[in-house]
């Protein structure tokens, strides 16, 4: 079969076939009496093999090795192609993300574009100082897309930088709230913790609603941060989680302070005191937890808490009894 016919049937141009021949990839097996290239069935089959391997991203040099070296094993080459493809996709995805963020900033001119790019690069810097400066300047110098601030906040381990990012997000409006809420579902515990910490500093009803939902989160750390924030805001739904924190000894002092804030109303004070006493009476409550629950009653005003302390001053656990008696004397001296 002559080169023109091969090109027509294979879809490979005559020019490319000549290039393959110059590289030694596909050499026509014969020549006609007039000296024209003549391809055999085996030659045509090899052409299709070359094209198939090209479709996988192999270079012509790699294709030559694959077809001509008897001991060549494709597994290493395929593994390398997989790695290269992943790297290329990651690079292209990163570029697409950067372009979308620049577009979201709605730059008016190239100076704005360059300023946004500089801030985005600074947010990804290895220097904590550079990241912190970028977070602080994002509020005043240039509009940084909220997606970039959220991503930075959820990945930031340095406490000073994280604080600056939370500050910047709190001033960015409600746009970041939903994205932060998505972080609560992350499989990474540290990301979930950063998400709830940042939500705790976000203003508005939407952030508060997400924190209310987080009270039922399976992660005790997420529940704890949500309860502490809502408790200091006067949200009574946080009471059961705050009491659980006292029993577990996890941020128990902060939890007791939040309960004292919630106990500002007489009805709520009695309800909280009843909840604390109920856990004190629970058979599964260990001695250290009973001591913490007794101490928590100190910040709860009202007759219910006082009567509970009177009863506890006669408790069989001497440490609990002494703590309750001391707290009673403090209440009487006020």
C-alpha atoms as a PDB file:
ATOM      1  CA  UNK A   1       0.000   0.000   0.000  1.00  0.00           C
ATOM      2  CA  UNK A   2       1.416   3.372  -1.022  1.00  0.00           C
ATOM      3  CA  UNK A   3       1.900   6.249   1.425  1.00  0.00           C
ATOM      4  CA  UNK A   4      -1.077   8.257   0.134  1.00  0.00           C
ATOM      5  CA  UNK A   5      -3.442   5.331   0.672  1.00  0.00           C
ATOM      6  CA  UNK A   6      -1.968   4.630   4.120  1.00  0.00           C
ATOM      7  CA  UNK A   7      -2.444   8.269   5.084  1.00  0.00           C
ATOM      8  CA  UNK A   8      -6.059   8.202   3.906  1.00  0.00           C
ATOM      9  CA  UNK A   9      -6.927   4.995   5.765  1.00  0.00           C
ATOM     10  CA  UNK A  10      -4.987   5.646   8.968  1.00  0.00           C
ATOM     11  CA  UNK A  11      -5.683   9.351   9.376  1.00  0.00           C
ATOM     12  CA  UNK A  12      -1.942   9.994   9.786  1.00  0.00           C
ATOM     13  CA  UNK A  13      -0.664  12.563   7.312  1.00  0.00           C
ATOM     14  CA  UNK A  14       1.965  11.621   4.753  1.00  0.00           C
ATOM     15  CA  UNK A  15       4.228  14.237   6.297  1.00  0.00           C
ATOM     16  CA  UNK A  16       3.938  12.587   9.727  1.00  0.00           C
ATOM     17  CA  UNK A  17       4.550   9.154   8.209  1.00  0.00           C
ATOM     18  CA  UNK A  18       7.784  10.461   6.679  1.00  0.00           C
ATOM     19  CA  UNK A  19       8.693  11.893  10.109  1.00  0.00           C
ATOM     20  CA  UNK A  20       8.090   8.473  11.700  1.00  0.00           C
ATOM     21  CA  UNK A  21      10.335   6.953   9.066  1.00  0.00           C
ATOM     22  CA  UNK A  22      13.111   9.505   9.742  1.00  0.00           C
ATOM     23  CA  UNK A  23      12.997   8.566  13.435  1.00  0.00           C
ATOM     24  CA  UNK A  24      12.992   4.871  12.673  1.00  0.00           C
ATOM     25  CA  UNK A  25       9.559   4.351  14.207  1.00  0.00           C
ATOM     26  CA  UNK A  26       7.804   3.015  11.104  1.00  0.00           C
ATOM     27  CA  UNK A  27       9.827   2.027   8.076  1.00  0.00           C
ATOM     28  CA  UNK A  28       7.943   0.851   4.978  1.00  0.00           C
ATOM     29  CA  UNK A  29       8.912  -2.743   4.259  1.00  0.00           C
ATOM     30  CA  UNK A  30       9.392  -2.286   0.546  1.00  0.00           C
ATOM     31  CA  UNK A  31       9.544  -0.092  -2.502  1.00  0.00           C
ATOM     32  CA  UNK A  32       7.710  -0.275  -5.774  1.00  0.00           C
ATOM     33  CA  UNK A  33       9.530  -0.632  -9.053  1.00  0.00           C
ATOM     34  CA  UNK A  34       9.276   3.141  -9.372  1.00  0.00           C
ATOM     35  CA  UNK A  35      10.867   3.646  -5.934  1.00  0.00           C
ATOM     36  CA  UNK A  36       7.718   4.629  -4.027  1.00  0.00           C
ATOM     37  CA  UNK A  37       7.308   3.583  -0.384  1.00  0.00           C
ATOM     38  CA  UNK A  38       5.179   0.482   0.031  1.00  0.00           C
ATOM     39  CA  UNK A  39       3.701  -0.397   3.427  1.00  0.00           C
ATOM     40  CA  UNK A  40       2.845  -3.958   4.424  1.00  0.00           C
ATOM     41  CA  UNK A  41       0.068  -5.052   6.781  1.00  0.00           C
ATOM     42  CA  UNK A  42       2.637  -5.279   9.579  1.00  0.00           C
ATOM     43  CA  UNK A  43       3.777  -1.726   8.838  1.00  0.00           C
ATOM     44  CA  UNK A  44       0.209  -0.435   9.024  1.00  0.00           C
ATOM     45  CA  UNK A  45      -0.379  -2.321  12.276  1.00  0.00           C
ATOM     46  CA  UNK A  46       2.731  -0.642  13.725  1.00  0.00           C
ATOM     47  CA  UNK A  47       1.411   2.760  12.654  1.00  0.00           C
ATOM     48  CA  UNK A  48      -1.751   2.139  14.645  1.00  0.00           C
ATOM     49  CA  UNK A  49       0.371   0.993  17.622  1.00  0.00           C
ATOM     50  CA  UNK A  50       2.328   4.263  17.459  1.00  0.00           C
ATOM     51  CA  UNK A  51      -0.854   6.330  17.338  1.00  0.00           C
ATOM     52  CA  UNK A  52      -2.378   4.394  20.236  1.00  0.00           C
ATOM     53  CA  UNK A  53       0.659   5.033  22.430  1.00  0.00           C
ATOM     54  CA  UNK A  54       0.718   8.709  21.418  1.00  0.00           C
ATOM     55  CA  UNK A  55      -2.869   8.990  22.675  1.00  0.00           C
ATOM     56  CA  UNK A  56      -1.595   7.986  26.133  1.00  0.00           C
ATOM     57  CA  UNK A  57       0.811  10.907  26.175  1.00  0.00           C
ATOM     58  CA  UNK A  58       4.023   9.032  25.378  1.00  0.00           C
ATOM     59  CA  UNK A  59       6.729  10.857  23.513  1.00  0.00           C
ATOM     60  CA  UNK A  60       7.927   9.418  20.186  1.00  0.00           C
ATOM     61  CA  UNK A  61      11.173   8.389  21.864  1.00  0.00           C
ATOM     62  CA  UNK A  62       9.258   6.497  24.579  1.00  0.00           C
ATOM     63  CA  UNK A  63       7.096   4.865  21.881  1.00  0.00           C
ATOM     64  CA  UNK A  64      10.213   3.654  20.090  1.00  0.00           C
ATOM     65  CA  UNK A  65      11.496   2.071  23.297  1.00  0.00           C
ATOM     66  CA  UNK A  66       8.147   0.484  24.033  1.00  0.00           C
ATOM     67  CA  UNK A  67       7.902  -1.094  20.573  1.00  0.00           C
ATOM     68  CA  UNK A  68      11.508  -2.074  19.962  1.00  0.00           C
ATOM     69  CA  UNK A  69      13.112  -3.108  23.266  1.00  0.00           C
ATOM     70  CA  UNK A  70      12.318  -6.802  23.895  1.00  0.00           C
ATOM     71  CA  UNK A  71      12.772  -6.553  27.663  1.00  0.00           C
ATOM     72  CA  UNK A  72      10.849  -3.321  28.024  1.00  0.00           C
ATOM     73  CA  UNK A  73       8.095  -3.447  30.674  1.00  0.00           C
ATOM     74  CA  UNK A  74       5.310  -0.888  30.371  1.00  0.00           C
ATOM     75  CA  UNK A  75       4.352  -0.726  34.065  1.00  0.00           C
ATOM     76  CA  UNK A  76       7.073   1.760  35.098  1.00  0.00           C
ATOM     77  CA  UNK A  77       6.345   3.969  32.116  1.00  0.00           C
ATOM     78  CA  UNK A  78       2.589   3.901  32.744  1.00  0.00           C
ATOM     79  CA  UNK A  79       3.165   4.709  36.420  1.00  0.00           C
ATOM     80  CA  UNK A  80       5.299   7.656  35.399  1.00  0.00           C
ATOM     81  CA  UNK A  81       2.610   8.834  32.983  1.00  0.00           C
ATOM     82  CA  UNK A  82       0.028   8.642  35.767  1.00  0.00           C
ATOM     83  CA  UNK A  83       2.261  10.745  38.040  1.00  0.00           C
ATOM     84  CA  UNK A  84       2.918  13.329  35.326  1.00  0.00           C
ATOM     85  CA  UNK A  85      -0.777  13.547  34.512  1.00  0.00           C
ATOM     86  CA  UNK A  86      -1.680  14.105  38.171  1.00  0.00           C
ATOM     87  CA  UNK A  87       0.944  16.839  38.408  1.00  0.00           C
ATOM     88  CA  UNK A  88      -0.321  18.489  35.242  1.00  0.00           C
ATOM     89  CA  UNK A  89      -3.940  18.376  36.415  1.00  0.00           C
ATOM     90  CA  UNK A  90      -2.948  19.802  39.808  1.00  0.00           C
ATOM     91  CA  UNK A  91      -1.022  22.633  38.160  1.00  0.00           C
ATOM     92  CA  UNK A  92      -3.880  23.435  35.793  1.00  0.00           C
ATOM     93  CA  UNK A  93      -6.408  23.291  38.642  1.00  0.00           C
ATOM     94  CA  UNK A  94      -4.281  25.654  40.714  1.00  0.00           C
ATOM     95  CA  UNK A  95      -4.040  28.053  37.782  1.00  0.00           C
ATOM     96  CA  UNK A  96      -7.795  27.890  37.190  1.00  0.00           C
ATOM     97  CA  UNK A  97      -8.462  28.578  40.864  1.00  0.00           C
ATOM     98  CA  UNK A  98      -6.103  31.571  40.833  1.00  0.00           C
ATOM     99  CA  UNK A  99      -7.752  32.981  37.697  1.00  0.00           C
ATOM    100  CA  UNK A 100     -11.230  32.577  39.165  1.00  0.00           C
ATOM    101  CA  UNK A 101     -10.168  34.377  42.316  1.00  0.00           C
ATOM    102  CA  UNK A 102      -8.699  37.249  40.360  1.00  0.00           C
ATOM    103  CA  UNK A 103     -11.902  37.446  38.322  1.00  0.00           C
ATOM    104  CA  UNK A 104     -13.997  37.415  41.522  1.00  0.00           C
ATOM    105  CA  UNK A 105     -12.047  40.439  42.780  1.00  0.00           C
ATOM    106  CA  UNK A 106     -13.402  42.341  39.747  1.00  0.00           C
ATOM    107  CA  UNK A 107     -10.170  44.265  39.072  1.00  0.00           C
ATOM    108  CA  UNK A 108     -10.519  47.601  37.326  1.00  0.00           C
ATOM    109  CA  UNK A 109      -7.081  47.509  35.734  1.00  0.00           C
ATOM    110  CA  UNK A 110      -3.757  45.693  35.601  1.00  0.00           C
ATOM    111  CA  UNK A 111      -2.565  47.401  38.788  1.00  0.00           C
ATOM    112  CA  UNK A 112      -5.501  45.824  40.636  1.00  0.00           C
ATOM    113  CA  UNK A 113      -4.752  42.444  39.072  1.00  0.00           C
ATOM    114  CA  UNK A 114      -1.113  42.593  40.138  1.00  0.00           C
ATOM    115  CA  UNK A 115      -2.077  43.659  43.655  1.00  0.00           C
ATOM    116  CA  UNK A 116      -4.506  40.756  44.051  1.00  0.00           C
ATOM    117  CA  UNK A 117      -1.913  38.326  42.668  1.00  0.00           C
ATOM    118  CA  UNK A 118       0.678  39.634  45.128  1.00  0.00           C
ATOM    119  CA  UNK A 119      -1.686  39.172  48.076  1.00  0.00           C
ATOM    120  CA  UNK A 120      -2.681  35.669  46.957  1.00  0.00           C
ATOM    121  CA  UNK A 121       0.991  34.722  46.669  1.00  0.00           C
ATOM    122  CA  UNK A 122       1.682  36.188  50.116  1.00  0.00           C
ATOM    123  CA  UNK A 123      -1.168  34.159  51.638  1.00  0.00           C
ATOM    124  CA  UNK A 124       0.593  31.039  50.360  1.00  0.00           C
ATOM    125  CA  UNK A 125       4.048  32.146  51.501  1.00  0.00           C
ATOM    126  CA  UNK A 126       6.221  29.924  53.716  1.00  0.00           C
ATOM    127  CA  UNK A 127       6.793  32.954  55.952  1.00  0.00           C
ATOM    128  CA  UNK A 128       4.234  33.327  58.743  1.00  0.00           C
ATOM    129  CA  UNK A 129       4.947  37.061  58.912  1.00  0.00           C
ATOM    130  CA  UNK A 130       4.210  37.447  55.199  1.00  0.00           C
ATOM    131  CA  UNK A 131       0.956  35.499  55.540  1.00  0.00           C
ATOM    132  CA  UNK A 132      -0.098  37.596  58.517  1.00  0.00           C
ATOM    133  CA  UNK A 133       0.639  40.876  56.729  1.00  0.00           C
ATOM    134  CA  UNK A 134      -1.323  39.661  53.708  1.00  0.00           C
ATOM    135  CA  UNK A 135      -4.315  38.752  55.870  1.00  0.00           C
ATOM    136  CA  UNK A 136      -4.315  42.126  57.614  1.00  0.00           C
ATOM    137  CA  UNK A 137      -3.808  44.128  54.426  1.00  0.00           C
ATOM    138  CA  UNK A 138      -6.509  42.191  52.543  1.00  0.00           C
ATOM    139  CA  UNK A 139      -9.158  44.319  54.231  1.00  0.00           C
ATOM    140  CA  UNK A 140      -7.711  47.670  53.179  1.00  0.00           C
ATOM    141  CA  UNK A 141      -5.294  47.362  50.250  1.00  0.00           C
ATOM    142  CA  UNK A 142      -7.106  45.076  47.801  1.00  0.00           C
ATOM    143  CA  UNK A 143     -10.173  42.910  47.587  1.00  0.00           C
ATOM    144  CA  UNK A 144      -9.034  39.343  48.172  1.00  0.00           C
ATOM    145  CA  UNK A 145     -11.699  36.775  47.168  1.00  0.00           C
ATOM    146  CA  UNK A 146     -13.331  35.324  50.251  1.00  0.00           C
ATOM    147  CA  UNK A 147     -12.665  31.798  48.951  1.00  0.00           C
ATOM    148  CA  UNK A 148      -8.932  32.457  49.257  1.00  0.00           C
ATOM    149  CA  UNK A 149      -9.301  33.750  52.814  1.00  0.00           C
ATOM    150  CA  UNK A 150     -11.402  30.737  53.822  1.00  0.00           C
ATOM    151  CA  UNK A 151      -8.933  28.295  52.274  1.00  0.00           C
ATOM    152  CA  UNK A 152      -6.067  30.031  54.070  1.00  0.00           C
ATOM    153  CA  UNK A 153      -7.937  30.053  57.389  1.00  0.00           C
ATOM    154  CA  UNK A 154      -8.767  26.347  57.189  1.00  0.00           C
ATOM    155  CA  UNK A 155      -5.151  25.404  56.462  1.00  0.00           C
ATOM    156  CA  UNK A 156      -3.327  27.849  58.766  1.00  0.00           C
ATOM    157  CA  UNK A 157      -1.497  26.316  61.741  1.00  0.00           C
ATOM    158  CA  UNK A 158       0.211  29.449  63.064  1.00  0.00           C
ATOM    159  CA  UNK A 159      -2.064  30.960  65.758  1.00  0.00           C
ATOM    160  CA  UNK A 160      -1.122  34.577  64.998  1.00  0.00           C
ATOM    161  CA  UNK A 161      -1.775  34.201  61.278  1.00  0.00           C
ATOM    162  CA  UNK A 162      -4.985  32.281  61.979  1.00  0.00           C
ATOM    163  CA  UNK A 163      -6.193  35.130  64.190  1.00  0.00           C
ATOM    164  CA  UNK A 164      -5.487  37.667  61.451  1.00  0.00           C
ATOM    165  CA  UNK A 165      -7.347  35.556  58.899  1.00  0.00           C
ATOM    166  CA  UNK A 166     -10.365  35.214  61.195  1.00  0.00           C
ATOM    167  CA  UNK A 167     -10.320  38.990  61.689  1.00  0.00           C
ATOM    168  CA  UNK A 168     -10.229  39.550  57.937  1.00  0.00           C
ATOM    169  CA  UNK A 169     -13.052  37.085  57.312  1.00  0.00           C
ATOM    170  CA  UNK A 170     -15.223  38.668  60.004  1.00  0.00           C
ATOM    171  CA  UNK A 171     -14.986  41.917  58.026  1.00  0.00           C
ATOM    172  CA  UNK A 172     -15.627  40.351  54.641  1.00  0.00           C
ATOM    173  CA  UNK A 173     -19.389  39.961  55.084  1.00  0.00           C
ATOM    174  CA  UNK A 174     -21.491  36.812  55.027  1.00  0.00           C
ATOM    175  CA  UNK A 175     -19.970  35.357  51.855  1.00  0.00           C
ATOM    176  CA  UNK A 176     -17.479  33.174  53.714  1.00  0.00           C
ATOM    177  CA  UNK A 177     -19.933  31.721  56.231  1.00  0.00           C
ATOM    178  CA  UNK A 178     -21.271  28.937  54.016  1.00  0.00           C
ATOM    179  CA  UNK A 179     -17.745  27.968  52.922  1.00  0.00           C
ATOM    180  CA  UNK A 180     -16.604  27.772  56.537  1.00  0.00           C
ATOM    181  CA  UNK A 181     -19.625  25.621  57.368  1.00  0.00           C
ATOM    182  CA  UNK A 182     -18.505  23.190  54.665  1.00  0.00           C
ATOM    183  CA  UNK A 183     -15.223  22.896  56.568  1.00  0.00           C
ATOM    184  CA  UNK A 184     -17.139  21.396  59.500  1.00  0.00           C
ATOM    185  CA  UNK A 185     -17.612  18.294  57.355  1.00  0.00           C
ATOM    186  CA  UNK A 186     -13.915  17.844  56.605  1.00  0.00           C
ATOM    187  CA  UNK A 187     -12.406  14.414  57.372  1.00  0.00           C
ATOM    188  CA  UNK A 188      -9.441  16.249  58.942  1.00  0.00           C
ATOM    189  CA  UNK A 189      -9.976  17.113  62.617  1.00  0.00           C
ATOM    190  CA  UNK A 190      -7.712  20.170  62.495  1.00  0.00           C
ATOM    191  CA  UNK A 191      -9.703  21.641  59.589  1.00  0.00           C
ATOM    192  CA  UNK A 192     -12.993  21.103  61.445  1.00  0.00           C
ATOM    193  CA  UNK A 193     -11.563  22.859  64.499  1.00  0.00           C
ATOM    194  CA  UNK A 194     -10.352  25.837  62.454  1.00  0.00           C
ATOM    195  CA  UNK A 195     -13.721  26.045  60.716  1.00  0.00           C
ATOM    196  CA  UNK A 196     -15.719  26.247  63.945  1.00  0.00           C
ATOM    197  CA  UNK A 197     -13.218  28.669  65.514  1.00  0.00           C
ATOM    198  CA  UNK A 198     -13.579  30.997  62.543  1.00  0.00           C
ATOM    199  CA  UNK A 199     -17.363  30.657  62.453  1.00  0.00           C
ATOM    200  CA  UNK A 200     -17.386  31.636  66.125  1.00  0.00           C
ATOM    201  CA  UNK A 201     -15.958  35.037  65.171  1.00  0.00           C
ATOM    202  CA  UNK A 202     -18.229  35.602  62.169  1.00  0.00           C
ATOM    203  CA  UNK A 203     -21.063  38.080  62.759  1.00  0.00           C
ATOM    204  CA  UNK A 204     -24.630  37.570  61.691  1.00  0.00           C
ATOM    205  CA  UNK A 205     -27.508  35.155  61.984  1.00  0.00           C
ATOM    206  CA  UNK A 206     -26.167  32.729  59.378  1.00  0.00           C
ATOM    207  CA  UNK A 207     -23.020  31.998  61.378  1.00  0.00           C
ATOM    208  CA  UNK A 208     -25.084  31.574  64.551  1.00  0.00           C
ATOM    209  CA  UNK A 209     -27.366  29.110  62.757  1.00  0.00           C
ATOM    210  CA  UNK A 210     -24.388  27.012  61.645  1.00  0.00           C
ATOM    211  CA  UNK A 211     -23.063  27.026  65.218  1.00  0.00           C
ATOM    212  CA  UNK A 212     -26.443  25.832  66.494  1.00  0.00           C
ATOM    213  CA  UNK A 213     -26.275  22.973  64.023  1.00  0.00           C
ATOM    214  CA  UNK A 214     -22.735  22.209  65.211  1.00  0.00           C
ATOM    215  CA  UNK A 215     -24.088  21.441  68.698  1.00  0.00           C
ATOM    216  CA  UNK A 216     -25.090  18.053  67.263  1.00  0.00           C
ATOM    217  CA  UNK A 217     -21.771  17.500  65.472  1.00  0.00           C
ATOM    218  CA  UNK A 218     -20.099  14.106  66.106  1.00  0.00           C
ATOM    219  CA  UNK A 219     -16.780  15.847  66.845  1.00  0.00           C
ATOM    220  CA  UNK A 220     -16.682  16.826  70.537  1.00  0.00           C
ATOM    221  CA  UNK A 221     -14.215  19.630  69.812  1.00  0.00           C
ATOM    222  CA  UNK A 222     -16.579  21.200  67.284  1.00  0.00           C
ATOM    223  CA  UNK A 223     -19.497  20.856  69.702  1.00  0.00           C
ATOM    224  CA  UNK A 224     -17.438  22.466  72.448  1.00  0.00           C
ATOM    225  CA  UNK A 225     -16.402  25.545  70.463  1.00  0.00           C
ATOM    226  CA  UNK A 226     -19.968  26.006  69.240  1.00  0.00           C
ATOM    227  CA  UNK A 227     -21.400  25.704  72.754  1.00  0.00           C
ATOM    228  CA  UNK A 228     -18.915  28.154  74.281  1.00  0.00           C
ATOM    229  CA  UNK A 229     -19.658  30.760  71.623  1.00  0.00           C
ATOM    230  CA  UNK A 230     -23.427  30.342  71.775  1.00  0.00           C
ATOM    231  CA  UNK A 231     -23.425  30.210  75.570  1.00  0.00           C
ATOM    232  CA  UNK A 232     -21.714  33.581  75.877  1.00  0.00           C
ATOM    233  CA  UNK A 233     -24.273  34.910  73.380  1.00  0.00           C
ATOM    234  CA  UNK A 234     -27.129  33.751  75.599  1.00  0.00           C
ATOM    235  CA  UNK A 235     -28.282  30.813  73.448  1.00  0.00           C
ATOM    236  CA  UNK A 236     -29.825  28.319  75.857  1.00  0.00           C
ATOM    237  CA  UNK A 237     -29.529  25.396  73.406  1.00  0.00           C
ATOM    238  CA  UNK A 238     -25.868  25.245  74.411  1.00  0.00           C
ATOM    239  CA  UNK A 239     -26.584  24.213  78.031  1.00  0.00           C
ATOM    240  CA  UNK A 240     -26.490  20.395  77.629  1.00  0.00           C
ATOM    241  CA  UNK A 241     -23.182  20.526  75.727  1.00  0.00           C
ATOM    242  CA  UNK A 242     -21.665  22.902  78.297  1.00  0.00           C
ATOM    243  CA  UNK A 243     -22.592  20.523  81.103  1.00  0.00           C
ATOM    244  CA  UNK A 244     -21.107  17.626  79.125  1.00  0.00           C
ATOM    245  CA  UNK A 245     -17.876  19.609  78.846  1.00  0.00           C
ATOM    246  CA  UNK A 246     -17.728  20.097  82.604  1.00  0.00           C
ATOM    247  CA  UNK A 247     -18.263  16.386  83.189  1.00  0.00           C
ATOM    248  CA  UNK A 248     -15.560  15.496  80.660  1.00  0.00           C
ATOM    249  CA  UNK A 249     -13.124  18.105  82.031  1.00  0.00           C
ATOM    250  CA  UNK A 250     -12.730  19.655  78.594  1.00  0.00           C
ATOM    251  CA  UNK A 251     -12.520  23.461  78.806  1.00  0.00           C
ATOM    252  CA  UNK A 252     -14.633  23.028  81.936  1.00  0.00           C
ATOM    253  CA  UNK A 253     -13.749  26.450  83.381  1.00  0.00           C
ATOM    254  CA  UNK A 254     -14.842  28.218  80.195  1.00  0.00           C
ATOM    255  CA  UNK A 255     -17.972  26.067  80.082  1.00  0.00           C
ATOM    256  CA  UNK A 256     -18.843  27.020  83.668  1.00  0.00           C
ATOM    257  CA  UNK A 257     -18.330  30.709  82.818  1.00  0.00           C
ATOM    258  CA  UNK A 258     -20.679  30.345  79.837  1.00  0.00           C
ATOM    259  CA  UNK A 259     -23.293  28.720  82.070  1.00  0.00           C
ATOM    260  CA  UNK A 260     -23.049  31.618  84.520  1.00  0.00           C
ATOM    261  CA  UNK A 261     -23.749  34.006  81.632  1.00  0.00           C
ATOM    262  CA  UNK A 262     -26.791  31.979  80.624  1.00  0.00           C
ATOM    263  CA  UNK A 263     -28.017  31.913  84.240  1.00  0.00           C
ATOM    264  CA  UNK A 264     -28.735  35.641  84.196  1.00  0.00           C
ATOM    265  CA  UNK A 265     -32.493  34.982  84.161  1.00  0.00           C
ATOM    266  CA  UNK A 266     -34.017  33.316  87.217  1.00  0.00           C
ATOM    267  CA  UNK A 267     -35.878  30.644  85.250  1.00  0.00           C
ATOM    268  CA  UNK A 268     -32.772  29.745  83.308  1.00  0.00           C
ATOM    269  CA  UNK A 269     -30.655  29.696  86.477  1.00  0.00           C
ATOM    270  CA  UNK A 270     -32.959  27.097  88.053  1.00  0.00           C
ATOM    271  CA  UNK A 271     -32.922  24.999  84.863  1.00  0.00           C
ATOM    272  CA  UNK A 272     -29.120  25.032  84.710  1.00  0.00           C
ATOM    273  CA  UNK A 273     -28.843  24.193  88.430  1.00  0.00           C
ATOM    274  CA  UNK A 274     -31.225  21.285  87.907  1.00  0.00           C
ATOM    275  CA  UNK A 275     -29.112  20.028  85.023  1.00  0.00           C
ATOM    276  CA  UNK A 276     -25.910  20.196  87.053  1.00  0.00           C
ATOM    277  CA  UNK A 277     -27.520  18.438  90.013  1.00  0.00           C
ATOM    278  CA  UNK A 278     -28.923  15.750  87.746  1.00  0.00           C
ATOM    279  CA  UNK A 279     -25.452  14.921  86.466  1.00  0.00           C
ATOM    280  CA  UNK A 280     -24.084  14.959  90.023  1.00  0.00           C
ATOM    281  CA  UNK A 281     -26.625  12.312  90.982  1.00  0.00           C
ATOM    282  CA  UNK A 282     -25.834  10.114  87.984  1.00  0.00           C
ATOM    283  CA  UNK A 283     -24.202   6.836  89.016  1.00  0.00           C
ATOM    284  CA  UNK A 284     -21.760   6.977  86.091  1.00  0.00           C
ATOM    285  CA  UNK A 285     -20.393  10.389  87.094  1.00  0.00           C
ATOM    286  CA  UNK A 286     -16.887   9.922  88.492  1.00  0.00           C
ATOM    287  CA  UNK A 287     -15.534  11.763  91.535  1.00  0.00           C
ATOM    288  CA  UNK A 288     -13.454  14.365  89.617  1.00  0.00           C
ATOM    289  CA  UNK A 289     -16.461  15.212  87.467  1.00  0.00           C
ATOM    290  CA  UNK A 290     -18.667  15.596  90.566  1.00  0.00           C
ATOM    291  CA  UNK A 291     -16.142  18.054  91.937  1.00  0.00           C
ATOM    292  CA  UNK A 292     -16.218  20.115  88.733  1.00  0.00           C
ATOM    293  CA  UNK A 293     -20.015  20.100  88.666  1.00  0.00           C
ATOM    294  CA  UNK A 294     -20.110  21.312  92.263  1.00  0.00           C
ATOM    295  CA  UNK A 295     -17.711  24.140  91.445  1.00  0.00           C
ATOM    296  CA  UNK A 296     -19.876  25.092  88.465  1.00  0.00           C
ATOM    297  CA  UNK A 297     -22.812  25.692  90.813  1.00  0.00           C
ATOM    298  CA  UNK A 298     -20.862  28.611  92.272  1.00  0.00           C
ATOM    299  CA  UNK A 299     -21.667  30.763  89.251  1.00  0.00           C
ATOM    300  CA  UNK A 300     -25.367  29.910  89.192  1.00  0.00           C
ATOM    301  CA  UNK A 301     -27.586  32.273  91.211  1.00  0.00           C
ATOM    302  CA  UNK A 302     -30.926  31.391  92.757  1.00  0.00           C
ATOM    303  CA  UNK A 303     -32.523  29.190  95.349  1.00  0.00           C
ATOM    304  CA  UNK A 304     -32.172  25.953  93.379  1.00  0.00           C
ATOM    305  CA  UNK A 305     -28.378  26.222  93.228  1.00  0.00           C
ATOM    306  CA  UNK A 306     -28.185  27.230  96.910  1.00  0.00           C
ATOM    307  CA  UNK A 307     -30.301  24.283  98.066  1.00  0.00           C
ATOM    308  CA  UNK A 308     -28.183  21.966  95.924  1.00  0.00           C
ATOM    309  CA  UNK A 309     -25.022  23.228  97.606  1.00  0.00           C
ATOM    310  CA  UNK A 310     -26.609  22.678 101.041  1.00  0.00           C
ATOM    311  CA  UNK A 311     -27.300  19.062 100.133  1.00  0.00           C
ATOM    312  CA  UNK A 312     -23.817  18.619  98.676  1.00  0.00           C
ATOM    313  CA  UNK A 313     -22.198  19.992 101.837  1.00  0.00           C
ATOM    314  CA  UNK A 314     -23.311  16.698 103.429  1.00  0.00           C
ATOM    315  CA  UNK A 315     -22.140  14.557 100.525  1.00  0.00           C
ATOM    316  CA  UNK A 316     -20.319  11.289 101.209  1.00  0.00           C
ATOM    317  CA  UNK A 317     -17.474  12.464  99.009  1.00  0.00           C
ATOM    318  CA  UNK A 318     -15.475  14.653 101.376  1.00  0.00           C
ATOM    319  CA  UNK A 319     -13.944  16.750  98.584  1.00  0.00           C
ATOM    320  CA  UNK A 320     -17.408  17.530  97.193  1.00  0.00           C
ATOM    321  CA  UNK A 321     -18.761  18.313 100.677  1.00  0.00           C
ATOM    322  CA  UNK A 322     -15.902  20.676 101.510  1.00  0.00           C
ATOM    323  CA  UNK A 323     -16.197  22.452  98.140  1.00  0.00           C
ATOM    324  CA  UNK A 324     -19.962  22.895  98.579  1.00  0.00           C
ATOM    325  CA  UNK A 325     -19.555  24.202 102.143  1.00  0.00           C
ATOM    326  CA  UNK A 326     -16.937  26.717 100.993  1.00  0.00           C
ATOM    327  CA  UNK A 327     -19.145  27.911  98.144  1.00  0.00           C
ATOM    328  CA  UNK A 328     -22.076  28.325 100.544  1.00  0.00           C
ATOM    329  CA  UNK A 329     -20.003  30.555 102.805  1.00  0.00           C
ATOM    330  CA  UNK A 330     -19.031  32.688  99.814  1.00  0.00           C
ATOM    331  CA  UNK A 331     -22.675  33.052  98.784  1.00  0.00           C
ATOM    332  CA  UNK A 332     -23.702  34.029 102.327  1.00  0.00           C
ATOM    333  CA  UNK A 333     -20.955  36.644 102.558  1.00  0.00           C
ATOM    334  CA  UNK A 334     -22.097  38.496  99.436  1.00  0.00           C
END
